[in-house]
Amino acid sequence: MQTDRRPPPRTRRPTQADVARRAAVSQTVVSYVLNDNRSVSIAPETRRRVLDAIAALGYVPDDAARSLRSRRTLTIAAVIPDITNPFYPAFIRGIQDVAGANGYDLIAYNTDGTLEGERRGLDTVRRGRVDGLIINPFHLDPGDILPILTGGTPVVINGEYHLDAFPSDLPLDRVYVPGDAAARSLVEFLISQGHTRIGMIAGEDATPPREGRVRGYRQALATHHIPLEEALIRGGDFTEAGGYEAMRELLALRPRFTAVFAANDLMALGAFIACRERGIRVPADIAIAGFDDIPAARLVSPALTTVAQFPERTGRHAAEQLMDRLGGRYTGPTRLDLLQHKLIVRESA
């Protein structure tokens, strides 16, 4: 077969047909390469010819046309609880890097940690505006997510969430750093420093992050035969203001505790402020530790002892799972991607 290597007229944009002629392949093969369709076997040299032709011609795929043909939007959504928490912009960055590399745009929805906000994000998916979803559910029931999955839209859940209610053959995956193990390692570090009366600022009631981290706190105390005092567990809402108020409640207790574990770094920073207002020295009077390792944890004085979850890494893993589903590279049962935490010991504890 003779290859037609004539360039297209300069008055029009190159098309898939032009790419196919230059690469000596069919338009179908060009489409497979453009869409990274791994369900069809294409020889490496053929794929290379197509990519070389695309580069030589300056061909730019028409995403709108591709979307109409494939009934895809080439867009995914990430539903997160608090965009003002530095953990989540880093998480979004990891998702965006992977999505962009695979030709997808990203929409991020901030829910303010409310059920209503989470359901609004799901409504967008149900209306067909995105092809896949990554979500950090705080309040959603499995029944809220199930219709999306049964409709064929892949979902990746980040964080602590019970998957038992979902059939394993649905396009659902999960990525997370086990909060109980991470919290346990931090509390055990505090115990190793001689602390036996340890308060906890646990976060909002009945949310998955709180449940896992409180479980780890309890496990560490039990392992070291330290009696659990329920009065030492206070709420907070995962914000700096919530940590400040919870620390004020703890400081009113007697006898005074010697260390506090906050279930995220923002609440730990709020606890710092409450101590400073009362002339309490950290860590000389009370040690404080957090969870997440946000950038501010390294900048405050004293620098915050915490647990690193590496949110950008977590975002990348979540997006890779979603891209596997969307690209047809994985169609199997639910996957659990457990990521490791790292204890970061600094000056505050």
Protein backbone atom coordinates (compact mmCIF):
# COMPACT_ATOMS: atom_id res chain seq x y z
CA MET A 1 0.00 0.00 0.00
CA GLN A 2 1.44 3.36 -1.07
CA THR A 3 1.45 6.00 1.65
CA ASP A 4 0.07 9.45 0.78
CA ARG A 5 2.34 11.85 2.63
CA ARG A 6 0.99 15.04 1.08
CA PRO A 7 0.15 17.62 3.74
CA PRO A 8 -3.45 18.79 3.91
CA PRO A 9 -4.35 22.19 2.44
CA ARG A 10 -3.21 25.02 4.69
CA THR A 11 -6.69 26.54 4.67
CA ARG A 12 -8.19 23.89 6.94
CA ARG A 13 -7.35 22.07 10.15
CA PRO A 14 -5.92 18.57 9.79
CA THR A 15 -8.44 15.81 10.42
CA GLN A 16 -8.36 12.22 11.58
CA ALA A 17 -8.54 11.23 7.91
CA ASP A 18 -5.34 13.18 7.25
CA VAL A 19 -3.63 11.43 10.16
CA ALA A 20 -4.82 8.04 8.90
CA ARG A 21 -3.48 8.70 5.38
CA ARG A 22 -0.11 9.86 6.63
CA ALA A 23 0.25 6.90 9.01
CA ALA A 24 -1.11 4.40 6.46
CA VAL A 25 -3.78 3.12 8.83
CA SER A 26 -7.54 3.28 9.07
CA GLN A 27 -9.38 6.08 10.87
CA THR A 28 -10.56 3.45 13.34
CA VAL A 29 -6.97 2.76 14.38
CA VAL A 30 -6.35 6.50 14.77
CA SER A 31 -9.42 6.70 17.01
CA TYR A 32 -8.18 3.80 19.15
CA VAL A 33 -4.82 5.51 19.65
CA LEU A 34 -6.39 8.89 20.44
CA ASN A 35 -8.70 7.36 23.01
CA ASP A 36 -5.97 5.11 24.44
CA ASN A 37 -8.27 2.11 23.94
CA ARG A 38 -6.24 -0.73 25.45
CA SER A 39 -8.98 -3.29 24.83
CA VAL A 40 -7.78 -3.44 21.21
CA SER A 41 -4.29 -4.73 20.46
CA ILE A 42 -2.31 -2.26 18.35
CA ALA A 43 1.28 -3.01 17.40
CA PRO A 44 3.78 -0.61 18.98
CA GLU A 45 5.18 0.41 15.57
CA THR A 46 1.64 1.20 14.35
CA ARG A 47 0.91 3.29 17.43
CA ARG A 48 4.21 5.13 16.90
CA ARG A 49 3.34 5.91 13.24
CA VAL A 50 0.01 7.37 14.32
CA LEU A 51 1.61 9.50 17.04
CA ASP A 52 4.31 10.69 14.63
CA ALA A 53 1.64 11.64 12.09
CA ILE A 54 -0.30 13.56 14.73
CA ALA A 55 2.85 15.49 15.66
CA ALA A 56 3.87 16.17 12.06
CA LEU A 57 0.45 17.47 11.05
CA GLY A 58 -0.19 19.39 14.25
CA TYR A 59 -3.48 17.55 14.63
CA VAL A 60 -5.54 18.61 17.66
CA PRO A 61 -8.47 16.32 18.58
CA ASP A 62 -11.86 17.97 18.74
CA ASP A 63 -12.87 17.07 22.29
CA ALA A 64 -16.45 18.17 21.75
CA ALA A 65 -16.85 15.87 18.77
CA ARG A 66 -15.14 13.01 20.58
CA SER A 67 -17.47 13.54 23.50
CA LEU A 68 -20.58 13.41 21.30
CA ARG A 69 -19.43 10.26 19.54
CA SER A 70 -18.47 8.44 22.70
CA ARG A 71 -21.28 9.87 24.84
CA ARG A 72 -18.61 10.99 27.27
CA THR A 73 -17.96 14.43 28.66
CA LEU A 74 -14.22 13.85 29.14
CA THR A 75 -14.70 15.39 32.58
CA ILE A 76 -14.52 13.91 36.07
CA ALA A 77 -15.66 15.35 39.39
CA ALA A 78 -14.05 15.42 42.81
CA VAL A 79 -16.38 16.07 45.75
CA ILE A 80 -14.47 17.29 48.81
CA PRO A 81 -15.60 18.51 52.25
CA ASP A 82 -13.53 21.68 52.77
CA ILE A 83 -11.54 23.48 50.09
CA THR A 84 -10.11 25.84 52.75
CA ASN A 85 -8.34 22.93 54.46
CA PRO A 86 -4.86 22.80 52.85
CA PHE A 87 -5.09 19.00 52.71
CA TYR A 88 -7.70 19.09 49.93
CA PRO A 89 -6.06 21.44 47.38
CA ALA A 90 -3.06 19.10 47.45
CA PHE A 91 -5.42 16.12 47.01
CA ILE A 92 -7.07 17.89 44.06
CA ARG A 93 -3.67 18.63 42.52
CA GLY A 94 -2.83 14.93 42.49
CA ILE A 95 -6.14 14.13 40.78
CA GLN A 96 -5.72 16.90 38.22
CA ASP A 97 -2.23 15.78 37.21
CA VAL A 98 -3.45 12.29 36.36
CA ALA A 99 -6.73 13.41 34.80
CA GLY A 100 -4.99 15.93 32.55
CA ALA A 101 -2.44 13.39 31.41
CA ASN A 102 -5.35 11.18 30.31
CA GLY A 103 -7.23 13.93 28.46
CA TYR A 104 -9.83 14.62 31.16
CA ASP A 105 -10.90 17.88 32.74
CA LEU A 106 -11.68 18.08 36.45
CA ILE A 107 -14.52 19.77 38.31
CA ALA A 108 -14.13 20.14 42.08
CA TYR A 109 -17.17 20.50 44.36
CA ASN A 110 -16.82 21.87 47.87
CA THR A 111 -19.53 20.50 50.18
CA ASP A 112 -18.64 22.39 53.39
CA GLY A 113 -18.85 18.97 55.03
CA THR A 114 -22.66 18.86 54.71
CA LEU A 115 -24.98 16.13 53.47
CA GLU A 116 -26.76 18.65 51.23
CA GLY A 117 -23.48 19.63 49.59
CA GLU A 118 -22.50 16.02 49.00
CA ARG A 119 -25.86 15.28 47.41
CA ARG A 120 -25.55 18.29 45.10
CA GLY A 121 -22.28 16.86 43.85
CA LEU A 122 -23.95 13.51 43.18
CA ASP A 123 -26.80 15.24 41.34
CA THR A 124 -24.31 16.62 38.83
CA VAL A 125 -23.06 13.11 38.14
CA ARG A 126 -26.59 11.76 37.78
CA ARG A 127 -27.40 14.45 35.20
CA GLY A 128 -24.62 13.06 33.04
CA ARG A 129 -22.24 15.99 33.30
CA VAL A 130 -19.21 13.91 34.27
CA ASP A 131 -17.88 10.47 33.41
CA GLY A 132 -16.55 9.49 36.82
CA LEU A 133 -16.47 10.57 40.44
CA ILE A 134 -13.94 10.77 43.27
CA ILE A 135 -15.56 11.54 46.60
CA ASN A 136 -14.68 12.02 50.27
CA PRO A 137 -18.04 11.13 51.85
CA PHE A 138 -18.72 12.42 55.35
CA HIS A 139 -22.49 11.90 55.55
CA LEU A 140 -23.68 9.99 52.47
CA ASP A 141 -25.39 6.65 52.90
CA PRO A 142 -24.54 3.83 50.49
CA GLY A 143 -28.04 4.33 49.07
CA ASP A 144 -27.01 7.79 47.86
CA ILE A 145 -24.09 6.40 45.86
CA LEU A 146 -25.61 3.13 44.62
CA PRO A 147 -27.74 4.60 41.76
CA ILE A 148 -24.64 6.17 40.22
CA LEU A 149 -22.78 2.87 40.29
CA THR A 150 -25.67 0.83 38.90
CA GLY A 151 -25.89 3.39 36.10
CA GLY A 152 -22.36 2.47 35.10
CA THR A 153 -20.49 5.54 36.33
CA PRO A 154 -17.26 4.57 38.12
CA VAL A 155 -16.69 5.96 41.62
CA VAL A 156 -13.57 6.09 43.78
CA ILE A 157 -14.06 6.73 47.50
CA ASN A 158 -11.24 8.32 49.46
CA GLY A 159 -11.13 7.74 53.19
CA GLU A 160 -12.84 5.61 55.80
CA TYR A 161 -16.11 4.23 54.43
CA HIS A 162 -17.95 0.94 54.77
CA LEU A 163 -18.14 -0.88 51.44
CA ASP A 164 -20.05 -3.92 52.69
CA ALA A 165 -23.35 -2.49 51.43
CA PHE A 166 -22.17 -2.51 47.80
CA PRO A 167 -22.05 -5.55 45.51
CA SER A 168 -18.41 -6.20 44.63
CA ASP A 169 -19.09 -6.25 40.87
CA LEU A 170 -19.93 -2.52 40.68
CA PRO A 171 -17.37 0.00 39.30
CA LEU A 172 -16.36 1.12 42.80
CA ASP A 173 -12.87 1.44 44.24
CA ARG A 174 -11.44 2.91 47.41
CA VAL A 175 -8.14 4.56 48.30
CA TYR A 176 -7.21 5.63 51.79
CA VAL A 177 -4.68 5.88 54.57
CA PRO A 178 -6.14 3.79 57.44
CA GLY A 179 -6.95 6.40 60.06
CA ASP A 180 -6.96 3.99 62.96
CA ALA A 181 -3.41 2.76 62.30
CA ALA A 182 -2.10 6.29 61.79
CA ALA A 183 -3.77 7.63 64.94
CA ARG A 184 -2.58 4.65 66.96
CA SER A 185 1.03 5.24 65.93
CA LEU A 186 0.84 8.89 66.96
CA VAL A 187 -0.78 8.22 70.34
CA GLU A 188 1.73 5.45 71.02
CA PHE A 189 4.49 7.97 70.33
CA LEU A 190 2.97 10.31 72.92
CA ILE A 191 2.82 7.43 75.39
CA SER A 192 6.49 6.66 74.68
CA GLN A 193 7.26 10.22 75.74
CA GLY A 194 5.76 9.54 79.16
CA HIS A 195 2.23 10.86 78.62
CA THR A 196 -0.55 8.80 80.20
CA ARG A 197 -3.36 11.36 80.34
CA ILE A 198 -3.91 12.30 76.72
CA GLY A 199 -6.82 14.39 75.48
CA MET A 200 -8.26 14.13 71.99
CA ILE A 201 -9.89 16.73 69.74
CA ALA A 202 -11.76 14.26 67.58
CA GLY A 203 -13.69 16.23 64.95
CA GLU A 204 -17.31 16.20 63.90
CA ASP A 205 -19.55 13.46 65.29
CA ALA A 206 -20.53 10.50 63.10
CA THR A 207 -18.03 11.23 60.32
CA PRO A 208 -15.69 8.56 58.94
CA PRO A 209 -12.45 10.46 59.72
CA ARG A 210 -13.46 10.89 63.35
CA GLU A 211 -14.48 7.25 63.74
CA GLY A 212 -11.18 5.87 62.45
CA ARG A 213 -8.97 8.23 64.40
CA VAL A 214 -10.88 7.80 67.65
CA ARG A 215 -10.63 4.04 67.18
CA GLY A 216 -6.85 4.32 66.88
CA TYR A 217 -6.68 6.54 69.97
CA ARG A 218 -8.66 4.00 71.98
CA GLN A 219 -6.56 1.10 70.69
CA ALA A 220 -3.31 2.78 71.73
CA LEU A 221 -4.56 3.45 75.25
CA ALA A 222 -5.84 -0.12 75.61
CA THR A 223 -2.58 -1.63 74.34
CA HIS A 224 -0.68 0.23 77.06
CA HIS A 225 -3.30 -0.45 79.76
CA ILE A 226 -4.15 3.23 80.16
CA PRO A 227 -7.74 3.81 81.34
CA LEU A 228 -9.97 5.55 78.80
CA GLU A 229 -11.54 8.79 80.05
CA GLU A 230 -14.46 9.76 77.81
CA ALA A 231 -14.34 13.32 79.17
CA LEU A 232 -10.97 13.74 77.47
CA ILE A 233 -12.52 13.23 74.01
CA ARG A 234 -13.95 16.48 72.65
CA GLY A 235 -15.53 17.37 69.33
CA GLY A 236 -14.47 20.15 67.00
CA ASP A 237 -15.49 20.35 63.35
CA PHE A 238 -12.12 19.84 61.66
CA THR A 239 -11.54 23.62 61.55
CA GLU A 240 -9.11 25.83 63.45
CA ALA A 241 -12.02 27.48 65.26
CA GLY A 242 -13.39 24.08 66.22
CA GLY A 243 -10.02 23.04 67.63
CA TYR A 244 -9.79 26.26 69.61
CA GLU A 245 -13.19 25.73 71.27
CA ALA A 246 -12.51 22.05 71.98
CA MET A 247 -9.17 22.91 73.58
CA ARG A 248 -10.83 25.50 75.80
CA GLU A 249 -13.20 22.79 77.03
CA LEU A 250 -10.31 20.43 77.72
CA LEU A 251 -8.35 23.08 79.60
CA ALA A 252 -11.25 23.48 82.02
CA LEU A 253 -10.85 19.87 83.19
CA ARG A 254 -9.00 18.86 86.34
CA PRO A 255 -6.63 17.23 86.86
CA ARG A 256 -4.99 18.56 83.74
CA PHE A 257 -3.84 16.25 80.96
CA THR A 258 -0.28 16.48 79.62
CA ALA A 259 -0.82 15.91 75.89
CA VAL A 260 -3.48 16.42 73.22
CA PHE A 261 -3.98 14.61 69.93
CA ALA A 262 -6.03 16.58 67.38
CA ALA A 263 -7.63 14.62 64.55
CA ASN A 264 -6.36 17.11 61.99
CA ASP A 265 -3.73 19.82 61.86
CA LEU A 266 -6.19 22.70 61.62
CA MET A 267 -7.71 21.75 64.97
CA ALA A 268 -4.21 21.36 66.41
CA LEU A 269 -3.43 24.93 65.35
CA GLY A 270 -6.61 26.08 67.08
CA ALA A 271 -5.43 24.27 70.21
CA PHE A 272 -2.12 26.17 69.99
CA ILE A 273 -4.00 29.47 70.08
CA ALA A 274 -6.10 28.44 73.07
CA CYS A 275 -2.93 27.52 74.99
CA ARG A 276 -1.13 30.73 74.14
CA GLU A 277 -4.06 32.84 75.31
CA ARG A 278 -3.75 31.22 78.72
CA GLY A 279 0.03 31.33 78.96
CA ILE A 280 0.34 27.55 78.58
CA ARG A 281 3.63 26.53 76.99
CA VAL A 282 3.79 23.95 74.20
CA PRO A 283 5.30 21.40 74.74
CA ALA A 284 6.69 22.26 78.19
CA ASP A 285 3.23 22.32 79.80
CA ILE A 286 1.10 20.45 77.26
CA ALA A 287 2.28 18.54 74.19
CA ILE A 288 0.14 18.91 71.05
CA ALA A 289 0.09 16.62 68.00
CA GLY A 290 -2.00 16.79 64.83
CA PHE A 291 -2.89 14.74 61.77
CA ASP A 292 -2.34 15.43 58.01
CA ASP A 293 0.99 17.34 57.86
CA ILE A 294 -0.36 20.41 56.08
CA PRO A 295 2.26 23.04 55.11
CA ALA A 296 1.51 25.18 58.19
CA ALA A 297 2.56 22.29 60.45
CA ARG A 298 6.18 23.00 59.54
CA LEU A 299 5.87 26.76 59.87
CA VAL A 300 4.30 27.25 63.30
CA SER A 301 6.47 27.57 66.39
CA PRO A 302 6.94 25.10 67.87
CA ALA A 303 6.67 23.03 64.68
CA LEU A 304 3.82 20.52 64.88
CA THR A 305 4.31 16.80 65.45
CA THR A 306 1.80 15.07 63.19
CA VAL A 307 1.02 12.19 60.84
CA ALA A 308 1.61 12.68 57.11
CA GLN A 309 -1.02 11.32 54.72
CA PHE A 310 0.58 12.71 51.53
CA PRO A 311 -2.64 14.03 49.96
CA GLU A 312 -1.17 14.65 46.52
CA ARG A 313 -0.09 11.01 46.37
CA THR A 314 -3.55 9.92 47.51
CA GLY A 315 -5.18 12.05 44.81
CA ARG A 316 -2.98 10.50 42.15
CA HIS A 317 -3.83 6.98 43.29
CA ALA A 318 -7.56 7.78 43.28
CA ALA A 319 -7.39 9.27 39.79
CA GLU A 320 -5.36 6.34 38.47
CA GLN A 321 -8.02 3.93 39.71
CA LEU A 322 -10.70 6.01 37.99
CA MET A 323 -8.74 6.24 34.73
CA ASP A 324 -8.30 2.46 34.75
CA ARG A 325 -12.08 2.10 34.85
CA LEU A 326 -12.80 4.79 32.26
CA GLY A 327 -10.15 3.47 29.88
CA GLY A 328 -11.37 -0.11 30.14
CA ARG A 329 -8.05 -1.26 31.58
CA TYR A 330 -9.78 -2.62 34.68
CA THR A 331 -13.31 -4.00 34.86
CA GLY A 332 -13.00 -6.31 37.85
CA PRO A 333 -14.35 -6.21 41.41
CA THR A 334 -13.86 -3.43 43.93
CA ARG A 335 -10.23 -2.62 44.72
CA LEU A 336 -8.90 -1.34 48.04
CA ASP A 337 -5.72 0.73 47.76
CA LEU A 338 -4.28 1.09 51.26
CA LEU A 339 -1.59 3.76 51.51
CA GLN A 340 0.96 4.18 54.26
CA HIS A 341 1.18 7.08 56.70
CA LYS A 342 4.36 8.52 58.18
CA LEU A 343 4.87 9.78 61.72
CA ILE A 344 6.47 13.24 61.62
CA VAL A 345 8.11 14.12 64.94
CA ARG A 346 8.78 17.82 65.42
CA GLU A 347 8.95 20.19 68.39
CA SER A 348 5.38 20.34 69.71
CA ALA A 349 5.41 16.85 71.27
